[in-house]
C-alpha atoms as a PDB file:
ATOM      1  CA  MET A   1      75.221 170.459   0.652  1.00  0.00           C
ATOM      2  CA  ARG A   2      72.979 169.296   3.478  1.00  0.00           C
ATOM      3  CA  GLY A   3      70.977 167.326   0.938  1.00  0.00           C
ATOM      4  CA  ILE A   4      74.106 165.519  -0.258  1.00  0.00           C
ATOM      5  CA  PHE A   5      75.118 164.773   3.329  1.00  0.00           C
ATOM      6  CA  LYS A   6      71.663 163.319   4.029  1.00  0.00           C
ATOM      7  CA  GLU A   7      71.796 161.268   0.830  1.00  0.00           C
ATOM      8  CA  LEU A   8      75.140 159.833   1.893  1.00  0.00           C
ATOM      9  CA  PHE A   9      74.490 158.989   5.518  1.00  0.00           C
ATOM     10  CA  PHE A  10      70.717 158.651   5.772  1.00  0.00           C
ATOM     11  CA  ASP A  11      69.669 157.296   2.393  1.00  0.00           C
ATOM     12  CA  GLY A  12      72.663 154.954   2.241  1.00  0.00           C
ATOM     13  CA  ALA A  13      74.785 156.312  -0.605  1.00  0.00           C
ATOM     14  CA  ALA A  14      77.845 156.245   1.682  1.00  0.00           C
ATOM     15  CA  GLU A  15      77.680 152.446   1.717  1.00  0.00           C
ATOM     16  CA  LYS A  16      79.166 152.517  -1.785  1.00  0.00           C
ATOM     17  CA  LEU A  17      82.218 154.355  -0.455  1.00  0.00           C
ATOM     18  CA  SER A  18      85.177 152.842   1.344  1.00  0.00           C
ATOM     19  CA  PHE A  19      85.060 152.953   5.132  1.00  0.00           C
ATOM     20  CA  VAL A  20      87.973 155.378   5.228  1.00  0.00           C
ATOM     21  CA  THR A  21      86.294 157.749   2.782  1.00  0.00           C
ATOM     22  CA  ALA A  22      82.930 157.552   4.535  1.00  0.00           C
ATOM     23  CA  ILE A  23      84.456 158.322   7.930  1.00  0.00           C
ATOM     24  CA  ALA A  24      86.546 161.160   6.507  1.00  0.00           C
ATOM     25  CA  LEU A  25      83.506 162.754   4.870  1.00  0.00           C
ATOM     26  CA  PHE A  26      81.428 162.394   8.016  1.00  0.00           C
ATOM     27  CA  ASP A  27      84.128 163.978  10.176  1.00  0.00           C
ATOM     28  CA  GLU A  28      84.810 166.771   7.684  1.00  0.00           C
ATOM     29  CA  PHE A  29      81.165 167.784   7.340  1.00  0.00           C
ATOM     30  CA  ARG A  30      79.893 166.934  10.813  1.00  0.00           C
ATOM     31  CA  SER A  31      78.430 170.430  11.098  1.00  0.00           C
ATOM     32  CA  LEU A  32      75.868 169.402   8.462  1.00  0.00           C
ATOM     33  CA  LEU A  33      74.452 166.707  10.723  1.00  0.00           C
ATOM     34  CA  PRO A  34      70.780 167.617  11.220  1.00  0.00           C
ATOM     35  CA  PRO A  35      69.238 167.776  14.686  1.00  0.00           C
ATOM     36  CA  GLY A  36      66.706 165.288  15.950  1.00  0.00           C
ATOM     37  CA  GLU A  37      65.878 161.779  14.817  1.00  0.00           C
ATOM     38  CA  THR A  38      67.271 162.130  11.292  1.00  0.00           C
ATOM     39  CA  GLY A  39      70.726 163.037  12.555  1.00  0.00           C
ATOM     40  CA  ASP A  40      70.603 160.339  15.218  1.00  0.00           C
ATOM     41  CA  GLU A  41      69.691 157.765  12.569  1.00  0.00           C
ATOM     42  CA  MET A  42      72.689 158.814  10.474  1.00  0.00           C
ATOM     43  CA  ILE A  43      74.960 158.238  13.442  1.00  0.00           C
ATOM     44  CA  ARG A  44      73.404 154.843  14.157  1.00  0.00           C
ATOM     45  CA  LYS A  45      73.800 153.685  10.555  1.00  0.00           C
ATOM     46  CA  LEU A  46      77.442 154.697  10.410  1.00  0.00           C
ATOM     47  CA  ALA A  47      78.100 153.100  13.803  1.00  0.00           C
ATOM     48  CA  ASP A  48      76.516 149.859  12.557  1.00  0.00           C
ATOM     49  CA  ARG A  49      78.839 149.850   9.587  1.00  0.00           C
ATOM     50  CA  LEU A  50      81.911 150.540  11.694  1.00  0.00           C
ATOM     51  CA  VAL A  51      81.068 147.741  14.127  1.00  0.00           C
ATOM     52  CA  ALA A  52      80.532 145.345  11.226  1.00  0.00           C
ATOM     53  CA  VAL A  53      84.187 145.772  10.214  1.00  0.00           C
ATOM     54  CA  ASP A  54      85.498 145.913  13.804  1.00  0.00           C
ATOM     55  CA  LEU A  55      86.353 149.614  13.750  1.00  0.00           C
ATOM     56  CA  LEU A  56      85.153 149.678  17.315  1.00  0.00           C
ATOM     57  CA  ASP A  57      87.053 152.717  18.537  1.00  0.00           C
ATOM     58  CA  ARG A  58      85.534 154.857  15.791  1.00  0.00           C
ATOM     59  CA  ALA A  59      82.056 153.500  16.454  1.00  0.00           C
ATOM     60  CA  ALA A  60      82.510 154.221  20.155  1.00  0.00           C
ATOM     61  CA  LEU A  61      83.571 157.796  19.424  1.00  0.00           C
ATOM     62  CA  LEU A  62      80.429 158.401  17.361  1.00  0.00           C
ATOM     63  CA  LEU A  63      78.160 157.027  20.066  1.00  0.00           C
ATOM     64  CA  GLU A  64      80.028 158.824  22.864  1.00  0.00           C
ATOM     65  CA  ARG A  65      79.339 162.149  21.190  1.00  0.00           C
ATOM     66  CA  GLN A  66      75.722 161.189  20.673  1.00  0.00           C
ATOM     67  CA  VAL A  67      75.302 160.306  24.354  1.00  0.00           C
ATOM     68  CA  GLN A  68      77.048 163.463  25.520  1.00  0.00           C
ATOM     69  CA  PHE A  69      75.502 166.052  23.233  1.00  0.00           C
ATOM     70  CA  ARG A  70      72.460 164.847  21.293  1.00  0.00           C
ATOM     71  CA  VAL A  71      70.088 162.674  23.308  1.00  0.00           C
ATOM     72  CA  THR A  72      68.353 162.699  26.683  1.00  0.00           C
ATOM     73  CA  GLY A  73      66.089 160.466  28.749  1.00  0.00           C
ATOM     74  CA  VAL A  74      65.131 157.078  27.323  1.00  0.00           C
ATOM     75  CA  ASP A  75      66.935 157.790  24.042  1.00  0.00           C
ATOM     76  CA  ARG A  76      70.125 158.388  26.002  1.00  0.00           C
ATOM     77  CA  ALA A  77      69.617 155.098  27.851  1.00  0.00           C
ATOM     78  CA  ARG A  78      69.142 153.317  24.503  1.00  0.00           C
ATOM     79  CA  ILE A  79      72.242 154.812  22.889  1.00  0.00           C
ATOM     80  CA  GLY A  80      74.145 154.189  26.114  1.00  0.00           C
ATOM     81  CA  ALA A  81      73.328 150.492  25.788  1.00  0.00           C
ATOM     82  CA  ARG A  82      74.626 150.455  22.218  1.00  0.00           C
ATOM     83  CA  LEU A  83      77.801 152.168  23.351  1.00  0.00           C
ATOM     84  CA  ALA A  84      78.195 149.646  26.175  1.00  0.00           C
ATOM     85  CA  LEU A  85      77.954 146.811  23.657  1.00  0.00           C
ATOM     86  CA  VAL A  86      80.678 148.408  21.543  1.00  0.00           C
ATOM     87  CA  TYR A  87      82.884 148.692  24.637  1.00  0.00           C
ATOM     88  CA  LEU A  88      82.301 145.016  25.400  1.00  0.00           C
ATOM     89  CA  LEU A  89      83.177 144.049  21.844  1.00  0.00           C
ATOM     90  CA  ASP A  90      86.331 146.134  22.285  1.00  0.00           C
ATOM     91  CA  ARG A  91      87.126 144.376  25.592  1.00  0.00           C
ATOM     92  CA  GLN A  92      86.581 147.427  27.763  1.00  0.00           C
ATOM     93  CA  PRO A  93      84.085 146.128  30.347  1.00  0.00           C
ATOM     94  CA  GLN A  94      84.671 148.876  32.902  1.00  0.00           C
ATOM     95  CA  LYS A  95      83.777 151.519  30.329  1.00  0.00           C
ATOM     96  CA  ALA A  96      80.642 149.527  29.540  1.00  0.00           C
ATOM     97  CA  ILE A  97      79.608 149.573  33.195  1.00  0.00           C
ATOM     98  CA  ASP A  98      80.383 153.266  33.520  1.00  0.00           C
ATOM     99  CA  VAL A  99      78.263 154.297  30.535  1.00  0.00           C
ATOM    100  CA  LEU A 100      75.372 152.054  31.562  1.00  0.00           C
ATOM    101  CA  ARG A 101      75.266 153.596  35.012  1.00  0.00           C
ATOM    102  CA  ASP A 102      75.712 157.111  33.643  1.00  0.00           C
ATOM    103  CA  THR A 103      72.762 156.715  31.239  1.00  0.00           C
ATOM    104  CA  GLN A 104      70.383 154.967  33.625  1.00  0.00           C
ATOM    105  CA  VAL A 105      66.773 156.206  33.698  1.00  0.00           C
ATOM    106  CA  THR A 106      63.710 155.035  35.598  1.00  0.00           C
ATOM    107  CA  ASP A 107      61.291 154.806  32.672  1.00  0.00           C
ATOM    108  CA  ALA A 108      63.300 152.891  30.057  1.00  0.00           C
ATOM    109  CA  GLY A 109      60.778 150.079  29.763  1.00  0.00           C
ATOM    110  CA  ARG A 110      61.082 146.365  30.406  1.00  0.00           C
ATOM    111  CA  ASP A 111      62.847 145.342  27.187  1.00  0.00           C
ATOM    112  CA  LEU A 112      65.486 148.055  27.256  1.00  0.00           C
ATOM    113  CA  ASN A 113      66.078 147.617  30.985  1.00  0.00           C
ATOM    114  CA  GLY A 114      66.555 143.893  30.407  1.00  0.00           C
ATOM    115  CA  GLN A 115      69.074 144.497  27.643  1.00  0.00           C
ATOM    116  CA  ARG A 116      70.980 146.988  29.762  1.00  0.00           C
ATOM    117  CA  ARG A 117      71.024 144.632  32.738  1.00  0.00           C
ATOM    118  CA  ARG A 118      72.389 141.770  30.641  1.00  0.00           C
ATOM    119  CA  LEU A 119      75.101 144.019  29.252  1.00  0.00           C
ATOM    120  CA  GLU A 120      76.132 145.000  32.773  1.00  0.00           C
ATOM    121  CA  GLU A 121      76.076 141.367  33.873  1.00  0.00           C
ATOM    122  CA  ARG A 122      78.407 140.473  31.046  1.00  0.00           C
ATOM    123  CA  ALA A 123      80.735 143.358  31.844  1.00  0.00           C
ATOM    124  CA  LEU A 124      80.906 142.329  35.507  1.00  0.00           C
ATOM    125  CA  THR A 125      81.698 138.776  34.443  1.00  0.00           C
ATOM    126  CA  ASP A 126      84.506 139.995  32.204  1.00  0.00           C
ATOM    127  CA  LEU A 127      85.929 141.877  35.186  1.00  0.00           C
ATOM    128  CA  GLY A 128      85.813 138.711  37.277  1.00  0.00           C
ATOM    129  CA  LYS A 129      83.098 140.095  39.564  1.00  0.00           C
ATOM    130  CA  VAL A 130      81.129 136.872  39.519  1.00  0.00           C
ATOM    131  CA  ASN A 131      79.088 137.432  42.680  1.00  0.00           C
ATOM    132  CA  GLU A 132      77.912 140.855  41.517  1.00  0.00           C
ATOM    133  CA  ALA A 133      76.981 139.424  38.132  1.00  0.00           C
ATOM    134  CA  MET A 134      74.958 136.621  39.696  1.00  0.00           C
ATOM    135  CA  LEU A 135      73.081 139.085  41.901  1.00  0.00           C
ATOM    136  CA  LEU A 136      72.015 141.002  38.812  1.00  0.00           C
ATOM    137  CA  LEU A 137      70.964 137.806  37.058  1.00  0.00           C
ATOM    138  CA  GLY A 138      68.544 136.917  39.819  1.00  0.00           C
ATOM    139  CA  THR A 139      65.884 134.422  38.753  1.00  0.00           C
ATOM    140  CA  ASP A 140      65.335 135.760  35.245  1.00  0.00           C
ATOM    141  CA  THR A 141      64.464 132.866  32.901  1.00  0.00           C
ATOM    142  CA  LEU A 142      64.872 134.555  29.514  1.00  0.00           C
ATOM    143  CA  PRO A 143      67.081 132.539  27.118  1.00  0.00           C
ATOM    144  CA  GLU A 144      69.664 135.334  26.989  1.00  0.00           C
ATOM    145  CA  THR A 145      69.870 135.358  30.775  1.00  0.00           C
ATOM    146  CA  LYS A 146      70.203 131.583  30.945  1.00  0.00           C
ATOM    147  CA  GLN A 147      73.093 131.788  28.506  1.00  0.00           C
ATOM    148  CA  LEU A 148      74.742 134.521  30.545  1.00  0.00           C
ATOM    149  CA  ARG A 149      74.275 132.503  33.726  1.00  0.00           C
ATOM    150  CA  ALA A 150      76.115 129.599  32.123  1.00  0.00           C
ATOM    151  CA  ALA A 151      78.845 131.972  30.953  1.00  0.00           C
ATOM    152  CA  VAL A 152      79.300 133.383  34.459  1.00  0.00           C
ATOM    153  CA  TYR A 153      79.733 129.930  35.961  1.00  0.00           C
ATOM    154  CA  TRP A 154      82.063 128.933  33.132  1.00  0.00           C
ATOM    155  CA  ARG A 155      84.235 131.995  33.647  1.00  0.00           C
ATOM    156  CA  ALA A 156      84.418 131.191  37.365  1.00  0.00           C
ATOM    157  CA  GLN A 157      85.333 127.565  36.516  1.00  0.00           C
ATOM    158  CA  ASP A 158      82.365 126.410  38.573  1.00  0.00           C
ATOM    159  CA  TRP A 159      81.878 123.389  36.352  1.00  0.00           C
ATOM    160  CA  GLY A 160      79.040 121.781  38.270  1.00  0.00           C
ATOM    161  CA  ASN A 161      76.839 124.853  38.122  1.00  0.00           C
ATOM    162  CA  ALA A 162      77.975 125.547  34.554  1.00  0.00           C
ATOM    163  CA  ALA A 163      76.816 122.063  33.564  1.00  0.00           C
ATOM    164  CA  THR A 164      73.472 122.603  35.300  1.00  0.00           C
ATOM    165  CA  ALA A 165      72.992 125.957  33.595  1.00  0.00           C
ATOM    166  CA  LEU A 166      73.892 124.514  30.202  1.00  0.00           C
ATOM    167  CA  SER A 167      71.513 121.598  30.680  1.00  0.00           C
ATOM    168  CA  ASP A 168      68.737 124.177  30.944  1.00  0.00           C
ATOM    169  CA  LEU A 169      69.729 125.417  27.484  1.00  0.00           C
ATOM    170  CA  VAL A 170      69.754 121.939  25.932  1.00  0.00           C
ATOM    171  CA  PRO A 171      66.155 120.704  26.218  1.00  0.00           C
ATOM    172  CA  GLY A 172      66.188 117.988  23.565  1.00  0.00           C
ATOM    173  CA  PRO A 173      68.023 116.113  20.811  1.00  0.00           C
ATOM    174  CA  ASP A 174      67.558 119.009  18.380  1.00  0.00           C
ATOM    175  CA  ALA A 175      69.573 121.434  20.531  1.00  0.00           C
ATOM    176  CA  GLY A 176      72.406 123.338  18.887  1.00  0.00           C
ATOM    177  CA  ALA A 177      75.592 121.317  18.527  1.00  0.00           C
ATOM    178  CA  ARG A 178      77.734 123.970  20.216  1.00  0.00           C
ATOM    179  CA  LEU A 179      75.562 123.948  23.330  1.00  0.00           C
ATOM    180  CA  VAL A 180      75.641 120.160  23.508  1.00  0.00           C
ATOM    181  CA  LEU A 181      79.431 120.204  23.242  1.00  0.00           C
ATOM    182  CA  ASP A 182      79.687 122.910  25.886  1.00  0.00           C
ATOM    183  CA  TRP A 183      77.453 120.905  28.212  1.00  0.00           C
ATOM    184  CA  ALA A 184      79.520 117.757  27.733  1.00  0.00           C
ATOM    185  CA  THR A 185      82.708 119.706  28.389  1.00  0.00           C
ATOM    186  CA  ALA A 186      81.362 121.190  31.624  1.00  0.00           C
ATOM    187  CA  LEU A 187      80.216 117.746  32.779  1.00  0.00           C
ATOM    188  CA  THR A 188      83.668 116.328  32.075  1.00  0.00           C
ATOM    189  CA  LEU A 189      85.394 119.112  33.978  1.00  0.00           C
ATOM    190  CA  ALA A 190      82.904 118.669  36.840  1.00  0.00           C
ATOM    191  CA  GLY A 191      83.617 114.933  36.956  1.00  0.00           C
ATOM    192  CA  ASP A 192      79.937 114.082  36.494  1.00  0.00           C
ATOM    193  CA  GLU A 193      80.462 110.736  34.753  1.00  0.00           C
ATOM    194  CA  ARG A 194      76.896 109.510  35.219  1.00  0.00           C
ATOM    195  CA  THR A 195      75.290 112.434  33.417  1.00  0.00           C
ATOM    196  CA  LEU A 196      78.048 112.415  30.809  1.00  0.00           C
ATOM    197  CA  VAL A 197      77.179 108.829  29.890  1.00  0.00           C
ATOM    198  CA  ARG A 198      73.538 109.834  29.362  1.00  0.00           C
ATOM    199  CA  VAL A 199      74.573 112.796  27.232  1.00  0.00           C
ATOM    200  CA  ARG A 200      76.766 110.569  25.093  1.00  0.00           C
ATOM    201  CA  GLN A 201      73.963 108.060  24.592  1.00  0.00           C
ATOM    202  CA  ARG A 202      71.406 110.719  23.753  1.00  0.00           C
ATOM    203  CA  TYR A 203      73.430 112.969  21.474  1.00  0.00           C
ATOM    204  CA  THR A 204      76.030 110.794  19.708  1.00  0.00           C
ATOM    205  CA  GLY A 205      73.644 110.324  16.787  1.00  0.00           C
ATOM    206  CA  PRO A 206      72.666 113.980  16.298  1.00  0.00           C
ATOM    207  CA  MET A 207      76.253 115.160  16.876  1.00  0.00           C
ATOM    208  CA  SER A 208      77.679 112.764  14.276  1.00  0.00           C
ATOM    209  CA  SER A 209      76.420 114.976  11.458  1.00  0.00           C
ATOM    210  CA  THR A 210      77.871 118.215  12.856  1.00  0.00           C
ATOM    211  CA  ALA A 211      81.261 119.898  12.708  1.00  0.00           C
ATOM    212  CA  TYR A 212      81.688 119.107  16.408  1.00  0.00           C
ATOM    213  CA  LYS A 213      81.417 115.323  16.123  1.00  0.00           C
ATOM    214  CA  ASP A 214      85.126 114.622  16.766  1.00  0.00           C
ATOM    215  CA  ALA A 215      85.331 117.019  19.694  1.00  0.00           C
ATOM    216  CA  PHE A 216      82.150 115.543  21.192  1.00  0.00           C
ATOM    217  CA  SER A 217      83.515 112.017  20.847  1.00  0.00           C
ATOM    218  CA  LEU A 218      86.795 113.101  22.425  1.00  0.00           C
ATOM    219  CA  ILE A 219      85.094 114.747  25.393  1.00  0.00           C
ATOM    220  CA  THR A 220      82.562 111.996  26.094  1.00  0.00           C
ATOM    221  CA  THR A 221      84.592 108.831  25.432  1.00  0.00           C
ATOM    222  CA  PRO A 222      85.055 106.931  28.731  1.00  0.00           C
ATOM    223  CA  ARG A 223      88.608 106.759  30.062  1.00  0.00           C
ATOM    224  CA  GLU A 224      90.163 103.736  31.705  1.00  0.00           C
ATOM    225  CA  ARG A 225      90.674 105.654  34.910  1.00  0.00           C
ATOM    226  CA  GLY A 226      87.486 107.683  34.706  1.00  0.00           C
ATOM    227  CA  VAL A 227      87.014 111.237  33.573  1.00  0.00           C
ATOM    228  CA  MET A 228      90.155 113.213  32.762  1.00  0.00           C
ATOM    229  CA  ASP A 229      91.235 116.005  35.058  1.00  0.00           C
ATOM    230  CA  ALA A 230      90.671 119.588  33.986  1.00  0.00           C
ATOM    231  CA  SER A 231      94.173 120.207  32.612  1.00  0.00           C
ATOM    232  CA  ALA A 232      94.043 117.047  30.529  1.00  0.00           C
ATOM    233  CA  VAL A 233      90.638 117.985  29.156  1.00  0.00           C
ATOM    234  CA  ARG A 234      91.871 121.408  28.105  1.00  0.00           C
ATOM    235  CA  GLN A 235      94.904 119.878  26.424  1.00  0.00           C
ATOM    236  CA  GLN A 236      92.743 117.436  24.497  1.00  0.00           C
ATOM    237  CA  ILE A 237      90.223 120.126  23.571  1.00  0.00           C
ATOM    238  CA  GLN A 238      92.928 122.240  21.969  1.00  0.00           C
ATOM    239  CA  GLN A 239      93.737 119.361  19.655  1.00  0.00           C
ATOM    240  CA  ALA A 240      90.165 119.145  18.317  1.00  0.00           C
ATOM    241  CA  GLU A 241      90.070 121.355  15.226  1.00  0.00           C
ATOM    242  CA  GLN A 242      86.401 122.197  15.354  1.00  0.00           C
ATOM    243  CA  PHE A 243      86.197 122.869  19.074  1.00  0.00           C
ATOM    244  CA  LYS A 244      85.482 126.362  20.324  1.00  0.00           C
ATOM    245  CA  THR A 245      85.332 126.913  24.061  1.00  0.00           C
ATOM    246  CA  PHE A 246      82.098 128.212  25.500  1.00  0.00           C
ATOM    247  CA  ILE A 247      81.620 131.946  25.464  1.00  0.00           C
ATOM    248  CA  VAL A 248      78.620 134.129  24.848  1.00  0.00           C
ATOM    249  CA  ASP A 249      79.428 136.118  21.740  1.00  0.00           C
ATOM    250  CA  TYR A 250      78.387 139.701  22.344  1.00  0.00           C
ATOM    251  CA  LYS A 251      77.177 139.917  18.782  1.00  0.00           C
ATOM    252  CA  ASP A 252      74.777 137.061  19.535  1.00  0.00           C
ATOM    253  CA  MET A 253      72.832 139.613  21.578  1.00  0.00           C
ATOM    254  CA  ILE A 254      71.745 141.185  18.292  1.00  0.00           C
ATOM    255  CA  GLY A 255      72.270 138.198  16.003  1.00  0.00           C
ATOM    256  CA  GLU A 256      72.351 139.163  12.337  1.00  0.00           C
ATOM    257  CA  LYS A 257      70.712 142.485  13.128  1.00  0.00           C
ATOM    258  CA  PRO A 258      72.687 145.752  13.302  1.00  0.00           C
ATOM    259  CA  LEU A 259      73.964 147.356  16.473  1.00  0.00           C
ATOM    260  CA  SER A 260      70.973 149.690  16.399  1.00  0.00           C
ATOM    261  CA  ALA A 261      68.681 146.692  16.997  1.00  0.00           C
ATOM    262  CA  ILE A 262      69.110 147.396  20.712  1.00  0.00           C
ATOM    263  CA  ASN A 263      65.941 149.253  21.586  1.00  0.00           C
END
């Protein structure tokens, strides 16, 4: 029976089953879960699958048990980070902070510590604790940190600093269309007409071939009485079909990789 359980949840046979069936089998025969890395890998694979279909509460339950009963030291810090990400996806930032602080270790390594710090920064931002989030950000210049810095300012409606932070993410004409649109929006809300004119001149061509072309034109078109006020901008933005307001997608932290890519 242990061999069948391993075939299902380690070798991948369970991926052919429905999510409901896979979860039911895992719960029913949990006692067959082997100790050590093999068992931990089974949990990670199932958690990945649950997150992929937004069954976040079930994924969190799996990882909570793993943190509490199966892992220690750096492994516990790693799984704690994965659990924190699930909490953030499930809009439970305080739980994310709690598990990050509960699983903190001194020898996690630079990469893992950086991932954990960025998760905590995001959780603090979601709680509206902007000053605490900015203190954690410090002067880190990694792309993920730059994006979080822009998100913190955006959440605080500090449009001037948001525009500055976004400009650091948009180095040239080949920048992603979403970032260019976000930058233009922040400049409009900050009332920075001079920079907005330069952005329009530089990016109208590249943006014209993207899904955001209409929203970009709407945001950057000069008004008779200058730049619109914030409420007017938001009203106009909502009317642009392709527009999506700036937010760092938590799943962008792992891209197309599974949840277990946090390491």
